[in-house]
Amino acid sequence: DSLSLMKSSAILINTGRGGLVDENALANALNSDQLFAAGVDVL
């Protein structure tokens, strides 16, 4: 739901905690060009 609100050109950065992100949802958003890119340091 939150990813659906974001711009398709947007970039997500997560250096906090891996559990903040639904990894399947993020992967789907990236693979479908719903989100441009992500940089993560935590899973």
ModelCIF file with pLDDT and N, C-alpha, C, O atoms, coordinates in Angstrom:
data_MODEL
#
_entry.id   MODEL 
#
_entity.id                         1 
_entity.type                       polymer 
_entity.pdbx_number_of_molecules   1 
#
_entity_poly.entity_id                      1 
_entity_poly.type                           'polypeptide(L)' 
_entity_poly.nstd_linkage                   no 
_entity_poly.nstd_monomer                   no 
_entity_poly.pdbx_seq_one_letter_code       DSLSLMKSSAILINTGRGGLVDENALANALNSDQLFAAGVDVL 
_entity_poly.pdbx_seq_one_letter_code_can   DSLSLMKSSAILINTGRGGLVDENALANALNSDQLFAAGVDVL 
_entity_poly.pdbx_strand_id                 A 
#
loop_
_entity_poly_seq.entity_id 
_entity_poly_seq.num 
_entity_poly_seq.mon_id 
_entity_poly_seq.hetero 
1 1  ASP n 
1 2  SER n 
1 3  LEU n 
1 4  SER n 
1 5  LEU n 
1 6  MET n 
1 7  LYS n 
1 8  SER n 
1 9  SER n 
1 10 ALA n 
1 11 ILE n 
1 12 LEU n 
1 13 ILE n 
1 14 ASN n 
1 15 THR n 
1 16 GLY n 
1 17 ARG n 
1 18 GLY n 
1 19 GLY n 
1 20 LEU n 
1 21 VAL n 
1 22 ASP n 
1 23 GLU n 
1 24 ASN n 
1 25 ALA n 
1 26 LEU n 
1 27 ALA n 
1 28 ASN n 
1 29 ALA n 
1 30 LEU n 
1 31 ASN n 
1 32 SER n 
1 33 ASP n 
1 34 GLN n 
1 35 LEU n 
1 36 PHE n 
1 37 ALA n 
1 38 ALA n 
1 39 GLY n 
1 40 VAL n 
1 41 ASP n 
1 42 VAL n 
1 43 LEU n 
#
_struct_asym.id          A 
_struct_asym.entity_id   1 
#
loop_
_ma_qa_metric.id 
_ma_qa_metric.mode 
_ma_qa_metric.name 
_ma_qa_metric.software_group_id 
_ma_qa_metric.type 
1 global pLDDT . pLDDT 
2 local  pLDDT . pLDDT 
#
_ma_qa_metric_global.metric_id      1 
_ma_qa_metric_global.metric_value   97.77 
_ma_qa_metric_global.model_id       1 
_ma_qa_metric_global.ordinal_id     1 
#
loop_
_ma_qa_metric_local.label_asym_id 
_ma_qa_metric_local.label_comp_id 
_ma_qa_metric_local.label_seq_id 
_ma_qa_metric_local.metric_id 
_ma_qa_metric_local.metric_value 
_ma_qa_metric_local.model_id 
_ma_qa_metric_local.ordinal_id 
A ASP 1  2 98.00 1 1  
A SER 2  2 98.00 1 2  
A LEU 3  2 98.00 1 3  
A SER 4  2 98.00 1 4  
A LEU 5  2 98.00 1 5  
A MET 6  2 98.00 1 6  
A LYS 7  2 98.00 1 7  
A SER 8  2 98.00 1 8  
A SER 9  2 98.00 1 9  
A ALA 10 2 98.00 1 10 
A ILE 11 2 98.00 1 11 
A LEU 12 2 98.00 1 12 
A ILE 13 2 98.00 1 13 
A ASN 14 2 98.00 1 14 
A THR 15 2 98.00 1 15 
A GLY 16 2 96.00 1 16 
A ARG 17 2 95.00 1 17 
A GLY 18 2 96.00 1 18 
A GLY 19 2 96.00 1 19 
A LEU 20 2 97.00 1 20 
A VAL 21 2 98.00 1 21 
A ASP 22 2 98.00 1 22 
A GLU 23 2 98.00 1 23 
A ASN 24 2 98.00 1 24 
A ALA 25 2 98.00 1 25 
A LEU 26 2 98.00 1 26 
A ALA 27 2 98.00 1 27 
A ASN 28 2 98.00 1 28 
A ALA 29 2 98.00 1 29 
A LEU 30 2 98.00 1 30 
A ASN 31 2 98.00 1 31 
A SER 32 2 98.00 1 32 
A ASP 33 2 98.00 1 33 
A GLN 34 2 98.00 1 34 
A LEU 35 2 98.00 1 35 
A PHE 36 2 98.00 1 36 
A ALA 37 2 98.00 1 37 
A ALA 38 2 98.00 1 38 
A GLY 39 2 98.00 1 39 
A VAL 40 2 98.00 1 40 
A ASP 41 2 98.00 1 41 
A VAL 42 2 98.00 1 42 
A LEU 43 2 98.00 1 43 
#
loop_
_atom_site.group_PDB 
_atom_site.id 
_atom_site.type_symbol 
_atom_site.label_atom_id 
_atom_site.label_alt_id 
_atom_site.label_comp_id 
_atom_site.label_asym_id 
_atom_site.label_entity_id 
_atom_site.label_seq_id 
_atom_site.pdbx_PDB_ins_code 
_atom_site.Cartn_x 
_atom_site.Cartn_y 
_atom_site.Cartn_z 
_atom_site.occupancy 
_atom_site.B_iso_or_equiv 
_atom_site.pdbx_formal_charge 
_atom_site.auth_seq_id 
_atom_site.auth_comp_id 
_atom_site.auth_asym_id 
_atom_site.auth_atom_id 
_atom_site.pdbx_PDB_model_num 
ATOM 1   N N  . ASP A 1 1  ? 0.822  -1.209 0.000   1.00 98.00 ? 1  ASP A N  1 
ATOM 2   C CA . ASP A 1 1  ? 0.000  0.000  0.000   1.00 98.00 ? 1  ASP A CA 1 
ATOM 3   C C  . ASP A 1 1  ? 0.856  1.260  0.000   1.00 98.00 ? 1  ASP A C  1 
ATOM 4   O O  . ASP A 1 1  ? 0.603  2.185  -0.772  1.00 98.00 ? 1  ASP A O  1 
ATOM 5   N N  . SER A 1 2  ? 1.865  1.300  0.859   1.00 98.00 ? 2  SER A N  1 
ATOM 6   C CA . SER A 1 2  ? 2.701  2.508  0.920   1.00 98.00 ? 2  SER A CA 1 
ATOM 7   C C  . SER A 1 2  ? 3.513  2.682  -0.356  1.00 98.00 ? 2  SER A C  1 
ATOM 8   O O  . SER A 1 2  ? 3.708  3.803  -0.825  1.00 98.00 ? 2  SER A O  1 
ATOM 9   N N  . LEU A 1 3  ? 3.985  1.579  -0.914  1.00 98.00 ? 3  LEU A N  1 
ATOM 10  C CA . LEU A 1 3  ? 4.744  1.664  -2.162  1.00 98.00 ? 3  LEU A CA 1 
ATOM 11  C C  . LEU A 1 3  ? 3.874  2.157  -3.312  1.00 98.00 ? 3  LEU A C  1 
ATOM 12  O O  . LEU A 1 3  ? 4.362  2.820  -4.227  1.00 98.00 ? 3  LEU A O  1 
ATOM 13  N N  . SER A 1 4  ? 2.579  1.831  -3.262  1.00 98.00 ? 4  SER A N  1 
ATOM 14  C CA . SER A 1 4  ? 1.670  2.272  -4.327  1.00 98.00 ? 4  SER A CA 1 
ATOM 15  C C  . SER A 1 4  ? 1.492  3.786  -4.341  1.00 98.00 ? 4  SER A C  1 
ATOM 16  O O  . SER A 1 4  ? 1.089  4.355  -5.355  1.00 98.00 ? 4  SER A O  1 
ATOM 17  N N  . LEU A 1 5  ? 1.793  4.442  -3.216  1.00 98.00 ? 5  LEU A N  1 
ATOM 18  C CA . LEU A 1 5  ? 1.676  5.897  -3.135  1.00 98.00 ? 5  LEU A CA 1 
ATOM 19  C C  . LEU A 1 5  ? 2.906  6.604  -3.682  1.00 98.00 ? 5  LEU A C  1 
ATOM 20  O O  . LEU A 1 5  ? 2.851  7.797  -3.983  1.00 98.00 ? 5  LEU A O  1 
ATOM 21  N N  . MET A 1 6  ? 3.998  5.896  -3.811  1.00 98.00 ? 6  MET A N  1 
ATOM 22  C CA . MET A 1 6  ? 5.263  6.528  -4.166  1.00 98.00 ? 6  MET A CA 1 
ATOM 23  C C  . MET A 1 6  ? 5.391  6.741  -5.675  1.00 98.00 ? 6  MET A C  1 
ATOM 24  O O  . MET A 1 6  ? 4.752  6.056  -6.474  1.00 98.00 ? 6  MET A O  1 
ATOM 25  N N  . LYS A 1 7  ? 6.219  7.695  -6.037  1.00 98.00 ? 7  LYS A N  1 
ATOM 26  C CA . LYS A 1 7  ? 6.488  7.971  -7.444  1.00 98.00 ? 7  LYS A CA 1 
ATOM 27  C C  . LYS A 1 7  ? 7.229  6.786  -8.069  1.00 98.00 ? 7  LYS A C  1 
ATOM 28  O O  . LYS A 1 7  ? 8.024  6.125  -7.402  1.00 98.00 ? 7  LYS A O  1 
ATOM 29  N N  . SER A 1 8  ? 6.970  6.528  -9.328  1.00 98.00 ? 8  SER A N  1 
ATOM 30  C CA . SER A 1 8  ? 7.684  5.448  -10.013 1.00 98.00 ? 8  SER A CA 1 
ATOM 31  C C  . SER A 1 8  ? 9.161  5.792  -10.195 1.00 98.00 ? 8  SER A C  1 
ATOM 32  O O  . SER A 1 8  ? 9.978  4.907  -10.452 1.00 98.00 ? 8  SER A O  1 
ATOM 33  N N  . SER A 1 9  ? 9.503  7.060  -10.065 1.00 98.00 ? 9  SER A N  1 
ATOM 34  C CA . SER A 1 9  ? 10.896 7.509  -10.176 1.00 98.00 ? 9  SER A CA 1 
ATOM 35  C C  . SER A 1 9  ? 11.607 7.562  -8.828  1.00 98.00 ? 9  SER A C  1 
ATOM 36  O O  . SER A 1 9  ? 12.772 7.955  -8.759  1.00 98.00 ? 9  SER A O  1 
ATOM 37  N N  . ALA A 1 10 ? 10.919 7.170  -7.754  1.00 98.00 ? 10 ALA A N  1 
ATOM 38  C CA . ALA A 1 10 ? 11.456 7.347  -6.404  1.00 98.00 ? 10 ALA A CA 1 
ATOM 39  C C  . ALA A 1 10 ? 12.496 6.294  -6.050  1.00 98.00 ? 10 ALA A C  1 
ATOM 40  O O  . ALA A 1 10 ? 12.566 5.220  -6.647  1.00 98.00 ? 10 ALA A O  1 
ATOM 41  N N  . ILE A 1 11 ? 13.299 6.650  -5.056  1.00 98.00 ? 11 ILE A N  1 
ATOM 42  C CA . ILE A 1 11 ? 14.351 5.789  -4.525  1.00 98.00 ? 11 ILE A CA 1 
ATOM 43  C C  . ILE A 1 11 ? 14.090 5.577  -3.037  1.00 98.00 ? 11 ILE A C  1 
ATOM 44  O O  . ILE A 1 11 ? 13.828 6.531  -2.305  1.00 98.00 ? 11 ILE A O  1 
ATOM 45  N N  . LEU A 1 12 ? 14.164 4.320  -2.593  1.00 98.00 ? 12 LEU A N  1 
ATOM 46  C CA . LEU A 1 12 ? 14.009 3.989  -1.180  1.00 98.00 ? 12 LEU A CA 1 
ATOM 47  C C  . LEU A 1 12 ? 15.372 3.630  -0.602  1.00 98.00 ? 12 LEU A C  1 
ATOM 48  O O  . LEU A 1 12 ? 16.118 2.849  -1.194  1.00 98.00 ? 12 LEU A O  1 
ATOM 49  N N  . ILE A 1 13 ? 15.697 4.203  0.557   1.00 98.00 ? 13 ILE A N  1 
ATOM 50  C CA . ILE A 1 13 ? 16.938 3.886  1.263   1.00 98.00 ? 13 ILE A CA 1 
ATOM 51  C C  . ILE A 1 13 ? 16.592 3.358  2.652   1.00 98.00 ? 13 ILE A C  1 
ATOM 52  O O  . ILE A 1 13 ? 15.848 4.000  3.394   1.00 98.00 ? 13 ILE A O  1 
ATOM 53  N N  . ASN A 1 14 ? 17.124 2.201  3.001   1.00 98.00 ? 14 ASN A N  1 
ATOM 54  C CA . ASN A 1 14 ? 16.882 1.645  4.339   1.00 98.00 ? 14 ASN A CA 1 
ATOM 55  C C  . ASN A 1 14 ? 18.201 1.259  4.994   1.00 98.00 ? 14 ASN A C  1 
ATOM 56  O O  . ASN A 1 14 ? 18.817 0.253  4.645   1.00 98.00 ? 14 ASN A O  1 
ATOM 57  N N  . THR A 1 15 ? 18.616 2.075  5.946   1.00 98.00 ? 15 THR A N  1 
ATOM 58  C CA . THR A 1 15 ? 19.772 1.748  6.786   1.00 98.00 ? 15 THR A CA 1 
ATOM 59  C C  . THR A 1 15 ? 19.323 1.553  8.233   1.00 98.00 ? 15 THR A C  1 
ATOM 60  O O  . THR A 1 15 ? 20.141 1.533  9.153   1.00 98.00 ? 15 THR A O  1 
ATOM 61  N N  . GLY A 1 16 ? 17.999 1.409  8.420   1.00 96.00 ? 16 GLY A N  1 
ATOM 62  C CA . GLY A 1 16 ? 17.450 1.284  9.775   1.00 96.00 ? 16 GLY A CA 1 
ATOM 63  C C  . GLY A 1 16 ? 17.383 -0.155 10.236  1.00 96.00 ? 16 GLY A C  1 
ATOM 64  O O  . GLY A 1 16 ? 18.332 -0.672 10.826  1.00 96.00 ? 16 GLY A O  1 
ATOM 65  N N  . ARG A 1 17 ? 16.268 -0.797 9.967   1.00 95.00 ? 17 ARG A N  1 
ATOM 66  C CA . ARG A 1 17 ? 16.066 -2.198 10.324  1.00 95.00 ? 17 ARG A CA 1 
ATOM 67  C C  . ARG A 1 17 ? 15.385 -2.901 9.154   1.00 95.00 ? 17 ARG A C  1 
ATOM 68  O O  . ARG A 1 17 ? 14.509 -2.332 8.502   1.00 95.00 ? 17 ARG A O  1 
ATOM 69  N N  . GLY A 1 18 ? 15.792 -4.141 8.894   1.00 96.00 ? 18 GLY A N  1 
ATOM 70  C CA . GLY A 1 18 ? 15.218 -4.876 7.782   1.00 96.00 ? 18 GLY A CA 1 
ATOM 71  C C  . GLY A 1 18 ? 13.724 -5.068 7.911   1.00 96.00 ? 18 GLY A C  1 
ATOM 72  O O  . GLY A 1 18 ? 13.008 -5.073 6.909   1.00 96.00 ? 18 GLY A O  1 
ATOM 73  N N  . GLY A 1 19 ? 13.244 -5.226 9.137   1.00 96.00 ? 19 GLY A N  1 
ATOM 74  C CA . GLY A 1 19 ? 11.835 -5.479 9.381   1.00 96.00 ? 19 GLY A CA 1 
ATOM 75  C C  . GLY A 1 19 ? 10.919 -4.315 9.068   1.00 96.00 ? 19 GLY A C  1 
ATOM 76  O O  . GLY A 1 19 ? 9.698  -4.463 9.119   1.00 96.00 ? 19 GLY A O  1 
ATOM 77  N N  . LEU A 1 20 ? 11.483 -3.156 8.745   1.00 97.00 ? 20 LEU A N  1 
ATOM 78  C CA . LEU A 1 20 ? 10.650 -2.018 8.338   1.00 97.00 ? 20 LEU A CA 1 
ATOM 79  C C  . LEU A 1 20 ? 10.039 -2.230 6.963   1.00 97.00 ? 20 LEU A C  1 
ATOM 80  O O  . LEU A 1 20 ? 9.087  -1.544 6.590   1.00 97.00 ? 20 LEU A O  1 
ATOM 81  N N  . VAL A 1 21 ? 10.584 -3.179 6.210   1.00 98.00 ? 21 VAL A N  1 
ATOM 82  C CA . VAL A 1 21 ? 10.222 -3.347 4.806   1.00 98.00 ? 21 VAL A CA 1 
ATOM 83  C C  . VAL A 1 21 ? 9.644  -4.738 4.549   1.00 98.00 ? 21 VAL A C  1 
ATOM 84  O O  . VAL A 1 21 ? 10.220 -5.748 4.955   1.00 98.00 ? 21 VAL A O  1 
ATOM 85  N N  . ASP A 1 22 ? 8.513  -4.774 3.879   1.00 98.00 ? 22 ASP A N  1 
ATOM 86  C CA . ASP A 1 22 ? 7.985  -6.024 3.329   1.00 98.00 ? 22 ASP A CA 1 
ATOM 87  C C  . ASP A 1 22 ? 8.807  -6.309 2.071   1.00 98.00 ? 22 ASP A C  1 
ATOM 88  O O  . ASP A 1 22 ? 8.605  -5.684 1.030   1.00 98.00 ? 22 ASP A O  1 
ATOM 89  N N  . GLU A 1 23 ? 9.727  -7.251 2.182   1.00 98.00 ? 23 GLU A N  1 
ATOM 90  C CA . GLU A 1 23 ? 10.708 -7.457 1.112   1.00 98.00 ? 23 GLU A CA 1 
ATOM 91  C C  . GLU A 1 23 ? 10.072 -7.974 -0.171  1.00 98.00 ? 23 GLU A C  1 
ATOM 92  O O  . GLU A 1 23 ? 10.515 -7.614 -1.261  1.00 98.00 ? 23 GLU A O  1 
ATOM 93  N N  . ASN A 1 24 ? 9.063  -8.793 -0.067  1.00 98.00 ? 24 ASN A N  1 
ATOM 94  C CA . ASN A 1 24 ? 8.362  -9.259 -1.266  1.00 98.00 ? 24 ASN A CA 1 
ATOM 95  C C  . ASN A 1 24 ? 7.684  -8.099 -1.987  1.00 98.00 ? 24 ASN A C  1 
ATOM 96  O O  . ASN A 1 24 ? 7.739  -7.999 -3.213  1.00 98.00 ? 24 ASN A O  1 
ATOM 97  N N  . ALA A 1 25 ? 7.047  -7.226 -1.215  1.00 98.00 ? 25 ALA A N  1 
ATOM 98  C CA . ALA A 1 25 ? 6.372  -6.076 -1.819  1.00 98.00 ? 25 ALA A CA 1 
ATOM 99  C C  . ALA A 1 25 ? 7.379  -5.147 -2.482  1.00 98.00 ? 25 ALA A C  1 
ATOM 100 O O  . ALA A 1 25 ? 7.122  -4.633 -3.571  1.00 98.00 ? 25 ALA A O  1 
ATOM 101 N N  . LEU A 1 26 ? 8.524  -4.924 -1.838  1.00 98.00 ? 26 LEU A N  1 
ATOM 102 C CA . LEU A 1 26 ? 9.538  -4.052 -2.424  1.00 98.00 ? 26 LEU A CA 1 
ATOM 103 C C  . LEU A 1 26 ? 10.109 -4.669 -3.703  1.00 98.00 ? 26 LEU A C  1 
ATOM 104 O O  . LEU A 1 26 ? 10.273 -3.977 -4.708  1.00 98.00 ? 26 LEU A O  1 
ATOM 105 N N  . ALA A 1 27 ? 10.410 -5.961 -3.668  1.00 98.00 ? 27 ALA A N  1 
ATOM 106 C CA . ALA A 1 27 ? 10.927 -6.628 -4.866  1.00 98.00 ? 27 ALA A CA 1 
ATOM 107 C C  . ALA A 1 27 ? 9.934  -6.529 -6.023  1.00 98.00 ? 27 ALA A C  1 
ATOM 108 O O  . ALA A 1 27 ? 10.322 -6.268 -7.162  1.00 98.00 ? 27 ALA A O  1 
ATOM 109 N N  . ASN A 1 28 ? 8.653  -6.740 -5.722  1.00 98.00 ? 28 ASN A N  1 
ATOM 110 C CA . ASN A 1 28 ? 7.629  -6.646 -6.766  1.00 98.00 ? 28 ASN A CA 1 
ATOM 111 C C  . ASN A 1 28 ? 7.555  -5.235 -7.344  1.00 98.00 ? 28 ASN A C  1 
ATOM 112 O O  . ASN A 1 28 ? 7.410  -5.058 -8.554  1.00 98.00 ? 28 ASN A O  1 
ATOM 113 N N  . ALA A 1 29 ? 7.656  -4.233 -6.469  1.00 98.00 ? 29 ALA A N  1 
ATOM 114 C CA . ALA A 1 29 ? 7.596  -2.842 -6.939  1.00 98.00 ? 29 ALA A CA 1 
ATOM 115 C C  . ALA A 1 29 ? 8.784  -2.513 -7.830  1.00 98.00 ? 29 ALA A C  1 
ATOM 116 O O  . ALA A 1 29 ? 8.629  -1.822 -8.837  1.00 98.00 ? 29 ALA A O  1 
ATOM 117 N N  . LEU A 1 30 ? 9.953  -2.994 -7.476  1.00 98.00 ? 30 LEU A N  1 
ATOM 118 C CA . LEU A 1 30 ? 11.143 -2.738 -8.292  1.00 98.00 ? 30 LEU A CA 1 
ATOM 119 C C  . LEU A 1 30 ? 11.064 -3.477 -9.636  1.00 98.00 ? 30 LEU A C  1 
ATOM 120 O O  . LEU A 1 30 ? 11.354 -2.909 -10.688 1.00 98.00 ? 30 LEU A O  1 
ATOM 121 N N  . ASN A 1 31 ? 10.676 -4.717 -9.578  1.00 98.00 ? 31 ASN A N  1 
ATOM 122 C CA . ASN A 1 31 ? 10.646 -5.533 -10.800 1.00 98.00 ? 31 ASN A CA 1 
ATOM 123 C C  . ASN A 1 31 ? 9.574  -5.092 -11.787 1.00 98.00 ? 31 ASN A C  1 
ATOM 124 O O  . ASN A 1 31 ? 9.684  -5.337 -12.988 1.00 98.00 ? 31 ASN A O  1 
ATOM 125 N N  . SER A 1 32 ? 8.539  -4.439 -11.271 1.00 98.00 ? 32 SER A N  1 
ATOM 126 C CA . SER A 1 32 ? 7.454  -3.966 -12.149 1.00 98.00 ? 32 SER A CA 1 
ATOM 127 C C  . SER A 1 32 ? 7.588  -2.480 -12.499 1.00 98.00 ? 32 SER A C  1 
ATOM 128 O O  . SER A 1 32 ? 6.681  -1.898 -13.094 1.00 98.00 ? 32 SER A O  1 
ATOM 129 N N  . ASP A 1 33 ? 8.716  -1.869 -12.132 1.00 98.00 ? 33 ASP A N  1 
ATOM 130 C CA . ASP A 1 33 ? 8.979  -0.445 -12.391 1.00 98.00 ? 33 ASP A CA 1 
ATOM 131 C C  . ASP A 1 33 ? 8.006  0.477  -11.666 1.00 98.00 ? 33 ASP A C  1 
ATOM 132 O O  . ASP A 1 33 ? 7.823  1.627  -12.064 1.00 98.00 ? 33 ASP A O  1 
ATOM 133 N N  . GLN A 1 34 ? 7.388  -0.023 -10.613 1.00 98.00 ? 34 GLN A N  1 
ATOM 134 C CA . GLN A 1 34 ? 6.548  0.830  -9.767  1.00 98.00 ? 34 GLN A CA 1 
ATOM 135 C C  . GLN A 1 34 ? 7.420  1.742  -8.914  1.00 98.00 ? 34 GLN A C  1 
ATOM 136 O O  . GLN A 1 34 ? 6.985  2.809  -8.481  1.00 98.00 ? 34 GLN A O  1 
ATOM 137 N N  . LEU A 1 35 ? 8.669  1.307  -8.676  1.00 98.00 ? 35 LEU A N  1 
ATOM 138 C CA . LEU A 1 35 ? 9.656  2.077  -7.930  1.00 98.00 ? 35 LEU A CA 1 
ATOM 139 C C  . LEU A 1 35 ? 10.961 1.996  -8.698  1.00 98.00 ? 35 LEU A C  1 
ATOM 140 O O  . LEU A 1 35 ? 11.293 0.946  -9.249  1.00 98.00 ? 35 LEU A O  1 
ATOM 141 N N  . PHE A 1 36 ? 11.709 3.099  -8.741  1.00 98.00 ? 36 PHE A N  1 
ATOM 142 C CA . PHE A 1 36 ? 12.917 3.131  -9.571  1.00 98.00 ? 36 PHE A CA 1 
ATOM 143 C C  . PHE A 1 36 ? 14.055 2.297  -8.980  1.00 98.00 ? 36 PHE A C  1 
ATOM 144 O O  . PHE A 1 36 ? 14.648 1.471  -9.673  1.00 98.00 ? 36 PHE A O  1 
ATOM 145 N N  . ALA A 1 37 ? 14.358 2.517  -7.695  1.00 98.00 ? 37 ALA A N  1 
ATOM 146 C CA . ALA A 1 37 ? 15.528 1.850  -7.129  1.00 98.00 ? 37 ALA A CA 1 
ATOM 147 C C  . ALA A 1 37 ? 15.435 1.820  -5.619  1.00 98.00 ? 37 ALA A C  1 
ATOM 148 O O  . ALA A 1 37 ? 14.650 2.550  -5.013  1.00 98.00 ? 37 ALA A O  1 
ATOM 149 N N  . ALA A 1 38 ? 16.256 0.956  -5.014  1.00 98.00 ? 38 ALA A N  1 
ATOM 150 C CA . ALA A 1 38 ? 16.365 0.873  -3.561  1.00 98.00 ? 38 ALA A CA 1 
ATOM 151 C C  . ALA A 1 38 ? 17.814 0.625  -3.186  1.00 98.00 ? 38 ALA A C  1 
ATOM 152 O O  . ALA A 1 38 ? 18.534 -0.100 -3.874  1.00 98.00 ? 38 ALA A O  1 
ATOM 153 N N  . GLY A 1 39 ? 18.230 1.233  -2.091  1.00 98.00 ? 39 GLY A N  1 
ATOM 154 C CA . GLY A 1 39 ? 19.537 0.965  -1.496  1.00 98.00 ? 39 GLY A CA 1 
ATOM 155 C C  . GLY A 1 39 ? 19.312 0.540  -0.062  1.00 98.00 ? 39 GLY A C  1 
ATOM 156 O O  . GLY A 1 39 ? 18.777 1.314  0.731   1.00 98.00 ? 39 GLY A O  1 
ATOM 157 N N  . VAL A 1 40 ? 19.707 -0.673 0.289   1.00 98.00 ? 40 VAL A N  1 
ATOM 158 C CA . VAL A 1 40 ? 19.430 -1.190 1.630   1.00 98.00 ? 40 VAL A CA 1 
ATOM 159 C C  . VAL A 1 40 ? 20.709 -1.738 2.263   1.00 98.00 ? 40 VAL A C  1 
ATOM 160 O O  . VAL A 1 40 ? 21.543 -2.340 1.587   1.00 98.00 ? 40 VAL A O  1 
ATOM 161 N N  . ASP A 1 41 ? 20.843 -1.523 3.535   1.00 98.00 ? 41 ASP A N  1 
ATOM 162 C CA . ASP A 1 41 ? 21.980 -2.036 4.303   1.00 98.00 ? 41 ASP A CA 1 
ATOM 163 C C  . ASP A 1 41 ? 21.539 -3.078 5.322   1.00 98.00 ? 41 ASP A C  1 
ATOM 164 O O  . ASP A 1 41 ? 22.367 -3.668 6.016   1.00 98.00 ? 41 ASP A O  1 
ATOM 165 N N  . VAL A 1 42 ? 20.236 -3.301 5.408   1.00 98.00 ? 42 VAL A N  1 
ATOM 166 C CA . VAL A 1 42 ? 19.680 -4.215 6.406   1.00 98.00 ? 42 VAL A CA 1 
ATOM 167 C C  . VAL A 1 42 ? 18.588 -5.059 5.762   1.00 98.00 ? 42 VAL A C  1 
ATOM 168 O O  . VAL A 1 42 ? 17.861 -4.588 4.888   1.00 98.00 ? 42 VAL A O  1 
ATOM 169 N N  . LEU A 1 43 ? 18.482 -6.296 6.197   1.00 98.00 ? 43 LEU A N  1 
ATOM 170 C CA . LEU A 1 43 ? 17.453 -7.191 5.691   1.00 98.00 ? 43 LEU A CA 1 
ATOM 171 C C  . LEU A 1 43 ? 16.737 -7.852 6.864   1.00 98.00 ? 43 LEU A C  1 
ATOM 172 O O  . LEU A 1 43 ? 15.824 -8.652 6.658   1.00 98.00 ? 43 LEU A O  1 
#
